[in-house]
PDB file of N, CA and C in Angstrom:
ATOM      1  N   UNK A   1     128.501 232.591 291.617  1.00  0.00           N
ATOM      2  CA  UNK A   1     127.383 233.453 291.979  1.00  0.00           C
ATOM      3  C   UNK A   1     126.395 233.501 290.823  1.00  0.00           C
ATOM      4  N   UNK A   2     125.148 233.528 291.190  1.00  0.00           N
ATOM      5  CA  UNK A   2     124.065 233.720 290.236  1.00  0.00           C
ATOM      6  C   UNK A   2     123.467 235.085 290.537  1.00  0.00           C
ATOM      7  N   UNK A   3     123.204 235.872 289.493  1.00  0.00           N
ATOM      8  CA  UNK A   3     122.597 237.184 289.668  1.00  0.00           C
ATOM      9  C   UNK A   3     121.215 237.126 289.036  1.00  0.00           C
ATOM     10  N   UNK A   4     120.203 237.512 289.804  1.00  0.00           N
ATOM     11  CA  UNK A   4     118.830 237.441 289.320  1.00  0.00           C
ATOM     12  C   UNK A   4     118.075 238.692 289.739  1.00  0.00           C
ATOM     13  N   UNK A   5     117.256 239.192 288.811  1.00  0.00           N
ATOM     14  CA  UNK A   5     116.429 240.342 289.149  1.00  0.00           C
ATOM     15  C   UNK A   5     114.966 239.951 289.041  1.00  0.00           C
ATOM     16  N   UNK A   6     114.179 240.525 289.921  1.00  0.00           N
ATOM     17  CA  UNK A   6     112.743 240.293 289.923  1.00  0.00           C
ATOM     18  C   UNK A   6     112.074 241.642 289.781  1.00  0.00           C
ATOM     19  N   UNK A   7     111.278 241.789 288.739  1.00  0.00           N
ATOM     20  CA  UNK A   7     110.627 243.061 288.496  1.00  0.00           C
ATOM     21  C   UNK A   7     109.178 243.090 288.906  1.00  0.00           C
ATOM     22  N   UNK A   8     108.710 242.068 289.560  1.00  0.00           N
ATOM     23  CA  UNK A   8     107.306 241.999 289.938  1.00  0.00           C
ATOM     24  C   UNK A   8     107.166 242.149 291.442  1.00  0.00           C
ATOM     25  N   UNK A   9     106.125 242.841 291.856  1.00  0.00           N
ATOM     26  CA  UNK A   9     105.839 243.137 293.252  1.00  0.00           C
ATOM     27  C   UNK A   9     106.992 243.914 293.880  1.00  0.00           C
ATOM     28  N   UNK A  10     107.937 243.237 294.520  1.00  0.00           N
ATOM     29  CA  UNK A  10     109.070 243.909 295.155  1.00  0.00           C
ATOM     30  C   UNK A  10     110.289 243.779 294.242  1.00  0.00           C
ATOM     31  N   UNK A  11     110.636 244.871 293.555  1.00  0.00           N
ATOM     32  CA  UNK A  11     111.768 244.819 292.639  1.00  0.00           C
ATOM     33  C   UNK A  11     113.052 244.600 293.433  1.00  0.00           C
ATOM     34  N   UNK A  12     113.779 243.518 293.104  1.00  0.00           N
ATOM     35  CA  UNK A  12     114.981 243.151 293.848  1.00  0.00           C
ATOM     36  C   UNK A  12     115.991 242.507 292.916  1.00  0.00           C
ATOM     37  N   UNK A  13     117.233 242.901 293.066  1.00  0.00           N
ATOM     38  CA  UNK A  13     118.359 242.260 292.398  1.00  0.00           C
ATOM     39  C   UNK A  13     119.076 241.463 293.476  1.00  0.00           C
ATOM     40  N   UNK A  14     119.404 240.209 293.183  1.00  0.00           N
ATOM     41  CA  UNK A  14     120.007 239.338 294.202  1.00  0.00           C
ATOM     42  C   UNK A  14     121.296 238.707 293.700  1.00  0.00           C
ATOM     43  N   UNK A  15     122.209 238.494 294.634  1.00  0.00           N
ATOM     44  CA  UNK A  15     123.398 237.683 294.416  1.00  0.00           C
ATOM     45  C   UNK A  15     123.202 236.391 295.198  1.00  0.00           C
ATOM     46  N   UNK A  16     123.270 235.268 294.499  1.00  0.00           N
ATOM     47  CA  UNK A  16     122.976 233.971 295.125  1.00  0.00           C
ATOM     48  C   UNK A  16     124.169 233.044 294.934  1.00  0.00           C
ATOM     49  N   UNK A  17     124.662 232.458 296.035  1.00  0.00           N
ATOM     50  CA  UNK A  17     125.770 231.513 295.907  1.00  0.00           C
ATOM     51  C   UNK A  17     125.220 230.166 295.453  1.00  0.00           C
ATOM     52  N   UNK A  18     125.990 229.457 294.645  1.00  0.00           N
ATOM     53  CA  UNK A  18     125.520 228.229 294.020  1.00  0.00           C
ATOM     54  C   UNK A  18     126.086 226.955 294.626  1.00  0.00           C
ATOM     55  N   UNK A  19     126.904 227.033 295.640  1.00  0.00           N
ATOM     56  CA  UNK A  19     127.496 225.829 296.239  1.00  0.00           C
ATOM     57  C   UNK A  19     126.505 225.104 297.134  1.00  0.00           C
ATOM     58  N   UNK A  20     126.565 223.792 297.092  1.00  0.00           N
ATOM     59  CA  UNK A  20     125.798 222.929 297.997  1.00  0.00           C
ATOM     60  C   UNK A  20     124.333 223.327 298.091  1.00  0.00           C
ATOM     61  N   UNK A  21     123.653 223.344 296.961  1.00  0.00           N
ATOM     62  CA  UNK A  21     122.256 223.769 296.932  1.00  0.00           C
ATOM     63  C   UNK A  21     121.317 222.614 297.274  1.00  0.00           C
ATOM     64  N   UNK A  22     120.617 222.740 298.418  1.00  0.00           N
ATOM     65  CA  UNK A  22     119.631 221.751 298.851  1.00  0.00           C
ATOM     66  C   UNK A  22     118.551 222.459 299.643  1.00  0.00           C
ATOM     67  N   UNK A  23     117.301 222.056 299.440  1.00  0.00           N
ATOM     68  CA  UNK A  23     116.201 222.588 300.236  1.00  0.00           C
ATOM     69  C   UNK A  23     115.882 224.036 299.931  1.00  0.00           C
ATOM     70  N   UNK A  24     115.340 224.740 300.939  1.00  0.00           N
ATOM     71  CA  UNK A  24     114.978 226.147 300.813  1.00  0.00           C
ATOM     72  C   UNK A  24     116.250 226.983 300.893  1.00  0.00           C
ATOM     73  N   UNK A  25     116.560 227.668 299.807  1.00  0.00           N
ATOM     74  CA  UNK A  25     117.822 228.412 299.724  1.00  0.00           C
ATOM     75  C   UNK A  25     117.706 229.860 300.174  1.00  0.00           C
ATOM     76  N   UNK A  26     116.511 230.277 300.516  1.00  0.00           N
ATOM     77  CA  UNK A  26     116.287 231.678 300.860  1.00  0.00           C
ATOM     78  C   UNK A  26     117.218 232.153 301.976  1.00  0.00           C
ATOM     79  N   UNK A  27     117.286 231.420 303.048  1.00  0.00           N
ATOM     80  CA  UNK A  27     118.084 231.841 304.201  1.00  0.00           C
ATOM     81  C   UNK A  27     119.574 231.549 304.035  1.00  0.00           C
ATOM     82  N   UNK A  28     119.919 230.493 303.315  1.00  0.00           N
ATOM     83  CA  UNK A  28     121.304 230.035 303.284  1.00  0.00           C
ATOM     84  C   UNK A  28     122.112 230.496 302.076  1.00  0.00           C
ATOM     85  N   UNK A  29     121.471 230.861 300.973  1.00  0.00           N
ATOM     86  CA  UNK A  29     122.229 231.110 299.752  1.00  0.00           C
ATOM     87  C   UNK A  29     122.113 232.517 299.175  1.00  0.00           C
ATOM     88  N   UNK A  30     121.172 233.326 299.644  1.00  0.00           N
ATOM     89  CA  UNK A  30     121.107 234.710 299.162  1.00  0.00           C
ATOM     90  C   UNK A  30     122.186 235.496 299.897  1.00  0.00           C
ATOM     91  N   UNK A  31     123.190 235.930 299.147  1.00  0.00           N
ATOM     92  CA  UNK A  31     124.335 236.646 299.719  1.00  0.00           C
ATOM     93  C   UNK A  31     123.990 238.116 299.916  1.00  0.00           C
ATOM     94  N   UNK A  32     123.290 238.689 298.949  1.00  0.00           N
ATOM     95  CA  UNK A  32     122.896 240.096 299.050  1.00  0.00           C
ATOM     96  C   UNK A  32     121.639 240.368 298.244  1.00  0.00           C
ATOM     97  N   UNK A  33     120.984 241.474 298.595  1.00  0.00           N
ATOM     98  CA  UNK A  33     119.821 241.972 297.867  1.00  0.00           C
ATOM     99  C   UNK A  33     119.982 243.471 297.680  1.00  0.00           C
ATOM    100  N   UNK A  34     119.576 243.955 296.528  1.00  0.00           N
ATOM    101  CA  UNK A  34     119.651 245.376 296.205  1.00  0.00           C
ATOM    102  C   UNK A  34     118.287 245.806 295.679  1.00  0.00           C
ATOM    103  N   UNK A  35     117.766 246.897 296.196  1.00  0.00           N
ATOM    104  CA  UNK A  35     116.450 247.396 295.786  1.00  0.00           C
ATOM    105  C   UNK A  35     116.549 248.600 294.861  1.00  0.00           C
ATOM    106  N   UNK A  36     117.729 249.155 294.717  1.00  0.00           N
ATOM    107  CA  UNK A  36     117.930 250.369 293.926  1.00  0.00           C
ATOM    108  C   UNK A  36     118.486 250.017 292.540  1.00  0.00           C
ATOM    109  N   UNK A  37     117.889 250.581 291.482  1.00  0.00           N
ATOM    110  CA  UNK A  37     118.397 250.370 290.130  1.00  0.00           C
ATOM    111  C   UNK A  37     118.100 248.993 289.566  1.00  0.00           C
ATOM    112  N   UNK A  38     116.974 248.409 289.962  1.00  0.00           N
ATOM    113  CA  UNK A  38     116.630 247.048 289.549  1.00  0.00           C
ATOM    114  C   UNK A  38     115.825 247.066 288.248  1.00  0.00           C
ATOM    115  N   UNK A  39     116.276 246.336 287.231  1.00  0.00           N
ATOM    116  CA  UNK A  39     115.499 246.249 285.992  1.00  0.00           C
ATOM    117  C   UNK A  39     114.337 245.267 286.140  1.00  0.00           C
ATOM    118  N   UNK A  40     113.231 245.535 285.435  1.00  0.00           N
ATOM    119  CA  UNK A  40     112.132 244.576 285.444  1.00  0.00           C
ATOM    120  C   UNK A  40     112.147 243.693 284.203  1.00  0.00           C
ATOM    121  N   UNK A  41     112.744 244.180 283.106  1.00  0.00           N
ATOM    122  CA  UNK A  41     112.796 243.378 281.883  1.00  0.00           C
ATOM    123  C   UNK A  41     114.224 243.061 281.424  1.00  0.00           C
ATOM    124  N   UNK A  42     115.101 244.048 281.234  1.00  0.00           N
ATOM    125  CA  UNK A  42     116.451 243.719 280.779  1.00  0.00           C
ATOM    126  C   UNK A  42     117.212 242.912 281.838  1.00  0.00           C
ATOM    127  N   UNK A  43     117.963 241.940 281.401  1.00  0.00           N
ATOM    128  CA  UNK A  43     118.804 241.171 282.319  1.00  0.00           C
ATOM    129  C   UNK A  43     119.999 242.004 282.745  1.00  0.00           C
ATOM    130  N   UNK A  44     120.494 241.801 283.948  1.00  0.00           N
ATOM    131  CA  UNK A  44     121.772 242.421 284.311  1.00  0.00           C
ATOM    132  C   UNK A  44     122.882 241.712 283.527  1.00  0.00           C
ATOM    133  N   UNK A  45     124.039 242.360 283.457  1.00  0.00           N
ATOM    134  CA  UNK A  45     125.164 241.746 282.759  1.00  0.00           C
ATOM    135  C   UNK A  45     126.404 241.824 283.650  1.00  0.00           C
ATOM    136  N   UNK A  46     127.091 240.694 283.771  1.00  0.00           N
ATOM    137  CA  UNK A  46     128.316 240.622 284.561  1.00  0.00           C
ATOM    138  C   UNK A  46     129.498 240.737 283.621  1.00  0.00           C
ATOM    139  N   UNK A  47     130.333 241.746 283.866  1.00  0.00           N
ATOM    140  CA  UNK A  47     131.586 241.920 283.138  1.00  0.00           C
ATOM    141  C   UNK A  47     132.645 242.033 284.213  1.00  0.00           C
ATOM    142  N   UNK A  48     133.430 240.994 284.366  1.00  0.00           N
ATOM    143  CA  UNK A  48     134.402 240.873 285.444  1.00  0.00           C
ATOM    144  C   UNK A  48     135.213 242.150 285.630  1.00  0.00           C
ATOM    145  N   UNK A  49     135.217 242.767 286.774  1.00  0.00           N
ATOM    146  CA  UNK A  49     134.698 242.357 288.068  1.00  0.00           C
ATOM    147  C   UNK A  49     133.459 243.140 288.513  1.00  0.00           C
ATOM    148  N   UNK A  50     132.597 243.579 287.578  1.00  0.00           N
ATOM    149  CA  UNK A  50     131.431 244.391 287.947  1.00  0.00           C
ATOM    150  C   UNK A  50     130.141 243.825 287.355  1.00  0.00           C
ATOM    151  N   UNK A  51     129.012 244.230 287.952  1.00  0.00           N
ATOM    152  CA  UNK A  51     127.694 243.847 287.482  1.00  0.00           C
ATOM    153  C   UNK A  51     126.976 245.126 287.067  1.00  0.00           C
ATOM    154  N   UNK A  52     126.422 245.138 285.851  1.00  0.00           N
ATOM    155  CA  UNK A  52     125.734 246.307 285.321  1.00  0.00           C
ATOM    156  C   UNK A  52     124.270 245.972 285.091  1.00  0.00           C
ATOM    157  N   UNK A  53     123.399 246.980 285.276  1.00  0.00           N
ATOM    158  CA  UNK A  53     121.976 246.781 285.025  1.00  0.00           C
ATOM    159  C   UNK A  53     121.377 248.100 284.568  1.00  0.00           C
ATOM    160  N   UNK A  54     120.397 248.011 283.666  1.00  0.00           N
ATOM    161  CA  UNK A  54     119.670 249.203 283.231  1.00  0.00           C
ATOM    162  C   UNK A  54     118.188 248.982 283.507  1.00  0.00           C
ATOM    163  N   UNK A  55     117.564 249.978 284.101  1.00  0.00           N
ATOM    164  CA  UNK A  55     116.137 249.870 284.382  1.00  0.00           C
ATOM    165  C   UNK A  55     115.351 250.129 283.104  1.00  0.00           C
ATOM    166  N   UNK A  56     114.088 249.789 283.133  1.00  0.00           N
ATOM    167  CA  UNK A  56     113.212 250.037 281.994  1.00  0.00           C
ATOM    168  C   UNK A  56     113.187 251.524 281.640  1.00  0.00           C
ATOM    169  N   UNK A  57     113.368 252.383 282.634  1.00  0.00           N
ATOM    170  CA  UNK A  57     113.312 253.833 282.451  1.00  0.00           C
ATOM    171  C   UNK A  57     114.675 254.457 282.155  1.00  0.00           C
ATOM    172  N   UNK A  58     115.695 253.646 281.846  1.00  0.00           N
ATOM    173  CA  UNK A  58     116.978 254.176 281.407  1.00  0.00           C
ATOM    174  C   UNK A  58     117.921 254.642 282.490  1.00  0.00           C
ATOM    175  N   UNK A  59     117.835 254.055 283.677  1.00  0.00           N
ATOM    176  CA  UNK A  59     118.805 254.359 284.730  1.00  0.00           C
ATOM    177  C   UNK A  59     119.806 253.216 284.775  1.00  0.00           C
ATOM    178  N   UNK A  60     121.061 253.544 284.510  1.00  0.00           N
ATOM    179  CA  UNK A  60     122.136 252.562 284.433  1.00  0.00           C
ATOM    180  C   UNK A  60     122.882 252.519 285.763  1.00  0.00           C
ATOM    181  N   UNK A  61     123.095 251.310 286.276  1.00  0.00           N
ATOM    182  CA  UNK A  61     123.766 251.131 287.560  1.00  0.00           C
ATOM    183  C   UNK A  61     124.922 250.158 287.430  1.00  0.00           C
ATOM    184  N   UNK A  62     125.928 250.363 288.256  1.00  0.00           N
ATOM    185  CA  UNK A  62     127.084 249.477 288.332  1.00  0.00           C
ATOM    186  C   UNK A  62     127.210 249.020 289.785  1.00  0.00           C
ATOM    187  N   UNK A  63     127.254 247.685 289.981  1.00  0.00           N
ATOM    188  CA  UNK A  63     127.270 247.101 291.316  1.00  0.00           C
ATOM    189  C   UNK A  63     128.529 246.274 291.550  1.00  0.00           C
ATOM    190  N   UNK A  64     128.883 246.143 292.817  1.00  0.00           N
ATOM    191  CA  UNK A  64     129.902 245.196 293.235  1.00  0.00           C
ATOM    192  C   UNK A  64     129.216 243.834 293.305  1.00  0.00           C
ATOM    193  N   UNK A  65     129.625 242.851 292.506  1.00  0.00           N
ATOM    194  CA  UNK A  65     128.940 241.564 292.495  1.00  0.00           C
ATOM    195  C   UNK A  65     129.135 240.747 293.776  1.00  0.00           C
ATOM    196  N   UNK A  66     130.112 241.094 294.577  1.00  0.00           N
ATOM    197  CA  UNK A  66     130.356 240.347 295.818  1.00  0.00           C
ATOM    198  C   UNK A  66     129.358 240.664 296.923  1.00  0.00           C
ATOM    199  N   UNK A  67     128.962 241.971 297.003  1.00  0.00           N
ATOM    200  CA  UNK A  67     128.092 242.365 298.117  1.00  0.00           C
ATOM    201  C   UNK A  67     126.894 243.223 297.703  1.00  0.00           C
ATOM    202  N   UNK A  68     126.756 243.512 296.408  1.00  0.00           N
ATOM    203  CA  UNK A  68     125.623 244.297 295.924  1.00  0.00           C
ATOM    204  C   UNK A  68     125.766 245.795 296.105  1.00  0.00           C
ATOM    205  N   UNK A  69     126.918 246.241 296.599  1.00  0.00           N
ATOM    206  CA  UNK A  69     127.144 247.676 296.793  1.00  0.00           C
ATOM    207  C   UNK A  69     127.016 248.410 295.463  1.00  0.00           C
ATOM    208  N   UNK A  70     126.347 249.553 295.476  1.00  0.00           N
ATOM    209  CA  UNK A  70     126.189 250.376 294.286  1.00  0.00           C
ATOM    210  C   UNK A  70     127.435 251.239 294.113  1.00  0.00           C
ATOM    211  N   UNK A  71     128.169 251.024 293.000  1.00  0.00           N
ATOM    212  CA  UNK A  71     129.355 251.842 292.707  1.00  0.00           C
ATOM    213  C   UNK A  71     128.943 253.193 292.141  1.00  0.00           C
ATOM    214  N   UNK A  72     128.067 253.171 291.135  1.00  0.00           N
ATOM    215  CA  UNK A  72     127.563 254.408 290.540  1.00  0.00           C
ATOM    216  C   UNK A  72     126.224 254.156 289.858  1.00  0.00           C
ATOM    217  N   UNK A  73     125.512 255.253 289.621  1.00  0.00           N
ATOM    218  CA  UNK A  73     124.212 255.171 288.967  1.00  0.00           C
ATOM    219  C   UNK A  73     124.012 256.457 288.169  1.00  0.00           C
ATOM    220  N   UNK A  74     123.620 256.313 286.893  1.00  0.00           N
ATOM    221  CA  UNK A  74     123.438 257.467 286.018  1.00  0.00           C
ATOM    222  C   UNK A  74     122.218 257.258 285.121  1.00  0.00           C
ATOM    223  N   UNK A  75     121.536 258.347 284.798  1.00  0.00           N
ATOM    224  CA  UNK A  75     120.406 258.287 283.882  1.00  0.00           C
ATOM    225  C   UNK A  75     120.916 258.455 282.449  1.00  0.00           C
ATOM    226  N   UNK A  76     120.591 257.484 281.583  1.00  0.00           N
ATOM    227  CA  UNK A  76     120.961 257.602 280.169  1.00  0.00           C
ATOM    228  C   UNK A  76     119.740 257.910 279.315  1.00  0.00           C
ATOM    229  N   UNK A  77     118.544 257.801 279.886  1.00  0.00           N
ATOM    230  CA  UNK A  77     117.318 258.129 279.169  1.00  0.00           C
ATOM    231  C   UNK A  77     116.831 256.992 278.289  1.00  0.00           C
ATOM    232  N   UNK A  78     115.602 257.095 277.856  1.00  0.00           N
ATOM    233  CA  UNK A  78     115.012 256.086 276.995  1.00  0.00           C
ATOM    234  C   UNK A  78     114.259 255.031 277.782  1.00  0.00           C
ATOM    235  N   UNK A  79     113.647 254.112 277.043  1.00  0.00           N
ATOM    236  CA  UNK A  79     112.919 252.987 277.625  1.00  0.00           C
ATOM    237  C   UNK A  79     113.603 251.711 277.147  1.00  0.00           C
ATOM    238  N   UNK A  80     113.870 250.794 278.080  1.00  0.00           N
ATOM    239  CA  UNK A  80     114.645 249.603 277.776  1.00  0.00           C
ATOM    240  C   UNK A  80     113.902 248.326 278.147  1.00  0.00           C
ATOM    241  N   UNK A  81     113.941 247.364 277.235  1.00  0.00           N
ATOM    242  CA  UNK A  81     113.439 246.018 277.545  1.00  0.00           C
ATOM    243  C   UNK A  81     114.438 244.972 277.063  1.00  0.00           C
ATOM    244  N   UNK A  82     115.336 245.352 276.176  1.00  0.00           N
ATOM    245  CA  UNK A  82     116.366 244.428 275.678  1.00  0.00           C
ATOM    246  C   UNK A  82     117.506 244.320 276.687  1.00  0.00           C
ATOM    247  N   UNK A  83     118.070 243.139 276.783  1.00  0.00           N
ATOM    248  CA  UNK A  83     119.217 242.929 277.662  1.00  0.00           C
ATOM    249  C   UNK A  83     120.480 243.480 277.016  1.00  0.00           C
ATOM    250  N   UNK A  84     121.411 243.989 277.819  1.00  0.00           N
ATOM    251  CA  UNK A  84     122.650 244.537 277.272  1.00  0.00           C
ATOM    252  C   UNK A  84     123.552 243.448 276.697  1.00  0.00           C
ATOM    253  N   UNK A  85     124.481 243.899 275.851  1.00  0.00           N
ATOM    254  CA  UNK A  85     125.442 243.010 275.203  1.00  0.00           C
ATOM    255  C   UNK A  85     126.838 243.562 275.463  1.00  0.00           C
ATOM    256  N   UNK A  86     127.789 242.665 275.728  1.00  0.00           N
ATOM    257  CA  UNK A  86     129.181 243.059 275.963  1.00  0.00           C
ATOM    258  C   UNK A  86     130.049 242.603 274.798  1.00  0.00           C
ATOM    259  N   UNK A  87     130.952 243.486 274.336  1.00  0.00           N
ATOM    260  CA  UNK A  87     131.934 243.131 273.312  1.00  0.00           C
ATOM    261  C   UNK A  87     133.105 244.092 273.386  1.00  0.00           C
ATOM    262  N   UNK A  88     134.306 243.546 273.407  1.00  0.00           N
ATOM    263  CA  UNK A  88     135.537 244.323 273.284  1.00  0.00           C
ATOM    264  C   UNK A  88     135.625 245.497 274.270  1.00  0.00           C
ATOM    265  N   UNK A  89     135.303 245.247 275.539  1.00  0.00           N
ATOM    266  CA  UNK A  89     135.449 246.279 276.554  1.00  0.00           C
ATOM    267  C   UNK A  89     134.307 247.287 276.603  1.00  0.00           C
ATOM    268  N   UNK A  90     133.271 247.041 275.833  1.00  0.00           N
ATOM    269  CA  UNK A  90     132.133 247.961 275.781  1.00  0.00           C
ATOM    270  C   UNK A  90     130.834 247.222 276.072  1.00  0.00           C
ATOM    271  N   UNK A  91     129.877 247.949 276.665  1.00  0.00           N
ATOM    272  CA  UNK A  91     128.552 247.385 276.896  1.00  0.00           C
ATOM    273  C   UNK A  91     127.565 248.192 276.062  1.00  0.00           C
ATOM    274  N   UNK A  92     126.730 247.476 275.324  1.00  0.00           N
ATOM    275  CA  UNK A  92     125.765 248.082 274.409  1.00  0.00           C
ATOM    276  C   UNK A  92     124.356 247.970 275.001  1.00  0.00           C
ATOM    277  N   UNK A  93     123.674 249.114 275.101  1.00  0.00           N
ATOM    278  CA  UNK A  93     122.316 249.179 275.612  1.00  0.00           C
ATOM    279  C   UNK A  93     121.425 249.712 274.493  1.00  0.00           C
ATOM    280  N   UNK A  94     120.452 248.933 274.083  1.00  0.00           N
ATOM    281  CA  UNK A  94     119.579 249.290 272.967  1.00  0.00           C
ATOM    282  C   UNK A  94     118.186 249.619 273.497  1.00  0.00           C
ATOM    283  N   UNK A  95     117.742 250.868 273.270  1.00  0.00           N
ATOM    284  CA  UNK A  95     116.428 251.296 273.755  1.00  0.00           C
ATOM    285  C   UNK A  95     115.335 250.802 272.808  1.00  0.00           C
ATOM    286  N   UNK A  96     114.098 250.960 273.240  1.00  0.00           N
ATOM    287  CA  UNK A  96     112.965 250.513 272.424  1.00  0.00           C
ATOM    288  C   UNK A  96     112.798 251.335 271.153  1.00  0.00           C
ATOM    289  N   UNK A  97     113.376 252.526 271.098  1.00  0.00           N
ATOM    290  CA  UNK A  97     113.301 253.342 269.875  1.00  0.00           C
ATOM    291  C   UNK A  97     114.491 253.110 268.949  1.00  0.00           C
ATOM    292  N   UNK A  98     115.402 252.219 269.351  1.00  0.00           N
ATOM    293  CA  UNK A  98     116.562 251.908 268.532  1.00  0.00           C
ATOM    294  C   UNK A  98     117.808 252.694 268.882  1.00  0.00           C
ATOM    295  N   UNK A  99     117.712 253.615 269.832  1.00  0.00           N
ATOM    296  CA  UNK A  99     118.881 254.376 270.273  1.00  0.00           C
ATOM    297  C   UNK A  99     119.836 253.432 270.996  1.00  0.00           C
ATOM    298  N   UNK A 100     121.092 253.392 270.563  1.00  0.00           N
ATOM    299  CA  UNK A 100     122.089 252.544 271.201  1.00  0.00           C
ATOM    300  C   UNK A 100     123.058 253.404 271.992  1.00  0.00           C
ATOM    301  N   UNK A 101     123.213 253.076 273.256  1.00  0.00           N
ATOM    302  CA  UNK A 101     124.174 253.760 274.122  1.00  0.00           C
ATOM    303  C   UNK A 101     125.292 252.776 274.407  1.00  0.00           C
ATOM    304  N   UNK A 102     126.523 253.206 274.132  1.00  0.00           N
ATOM    305  CA  UNK A 102     127.697 252.358 274.343  1.00  0.00           C
ATOM    306  C   UNK A 102     128.476 252.925 275.525  1.00  0.00           C
ATOM    307  N   UNK A 103     128.686 252.061 276.520  1.00  0.00           N
ATOM    308  CA  UNK A 103     129.327 252.472 277.767  1.00  0.00           C
ATOM    309  C   UNK A 103     130.602 251.657 277.963  1.00  0.00           C
ATOM    310  N   UNK A 104     131.634 252.324 278.464  1.00  0.00           N
ATOM    311  CA  UNK A 104     132.874 251.642 278.809  1.00  0.00           C
ATOM    312  C   UNK A 104     132.625 250.691 279.973  1.00  0.00           C
ATOM    313  N   UNK A 105     133.133 249.474 279.888  1.00  0.00           N
ATOM    314  CA  UNK A 105     132.953 248.481 280.961  1.00  0.00           C
ATOM    315  C   UNK A 105     134.032 248.639 282.022  1.00  0.00           C
ATOM    316  N   UNK A 106     134.225 249.860 282.463  1.00  0.00           N
ATOM    317  CA  UNK A 106     135.237 250.150 283.475  1.00  0.00           C
ATOM    318  C   UNK A 106     134.607 250.591 284.775  1.00  0.00           C
ATOM    319  N   UNK A 107     135.431 251.013 285.722  1.00  0.00           N
ATOM    320  CA  UNK A 107     134.947 251.379 287.049  1.00  0.00           C
ATOM    321  C   UNK A 107     134.206 252.722 287.100  1.00  0.00           C
ATOM    322  N   UNK A 108     134.432 253.582 286.122  1.00  0.00           N
ATOM    323  CA  UNK A 108     133.801 254.902 286.062  1.00  0.00           C
ATOM    324  C   UNK A 108     132.720 254.910 284.987  1.00  0.00           C
ATOM    325  N   UNK A 109     131.667 255.712 285.191  1.00  0.00           N
ATOM    326  CA  UNK A 109     130.631 255.867 284.182  1.00  0.00           C
ATOM    327  C   UNK A 109     131.202 256.671 283.026  1.00  0.00           C
ATOM    328  N   UNK A 110     131.185 256.070 281.831  1.00  0.00           N
ATOM    329  CA  UNK A 110     131.731 256.763 280.665  1.00  0.00           C
ATOM    330  C   UNK A 110     130.979 256.301 279.421  1.00  0.00           C
ATOM    331  N   UNK A 111     130.202 257.234 278.829  1.00  0.00           N
ATOM    332  CA  UNK A 111     129.522 256.938 277.570  1.00  0.00           C
ATOM    333  C   UNK A 111     130.522 257.124 276.445  1.00  0.00           C
ATOM    334  N   UNK A 112     130.667 256.107 275.611  1.00  0.00           N
ATOM    335  CA  UNK A 112     131.606 256.164 274.492  1.00  0.00           C
ATOM    336  C   UNK A 112     130.929 256.647 273.218  1.00  0.00           C
ATOM    337  N   UNK A 113     129.643 256.333 273.080  1.00  0.00           N
ATOM    338  CA  UNK A 113     128.928 256.724 271.864  1.00  0.00           C
ATOM    339  C   UNK A 113     127.438 256.615 272.101  1.00  0.00           C
TER     340      UNK A 113
END
C-alpha cells in the first residue's frame, strides 16, 4: 500500500494498492479515501499496524491503513510542517516553534512527553 496526502484544493488522504499498476489507476487502485485529519505539509507515517498523521494546525489522527477508518483524533496544538519521525516505539512531532510532542505508537492516544 502507498499512503499519500493531498493538501491542495480537496484535502484527501488515500490508500493506494501497488499491484499490477497500468493505465489510469484512479478507479482500480485507490482502496480508500479519508477527508478528516488530512495534513497539507507533514507526511503521514506508517508504524505497523497503524497510520498516523498530524495536520498543520496540530490535530493528530490515527487511521486503519487497510480501510482508512479513523481510530482516534486528538488536538495537540501548535503549527506543523515537519514530517513525524518514529524511533523505539515513539513518534516525534516537531512544531514550527520547536515544541516536540512524543506520542506512544500504540492503539490508544498517549502523550509521553
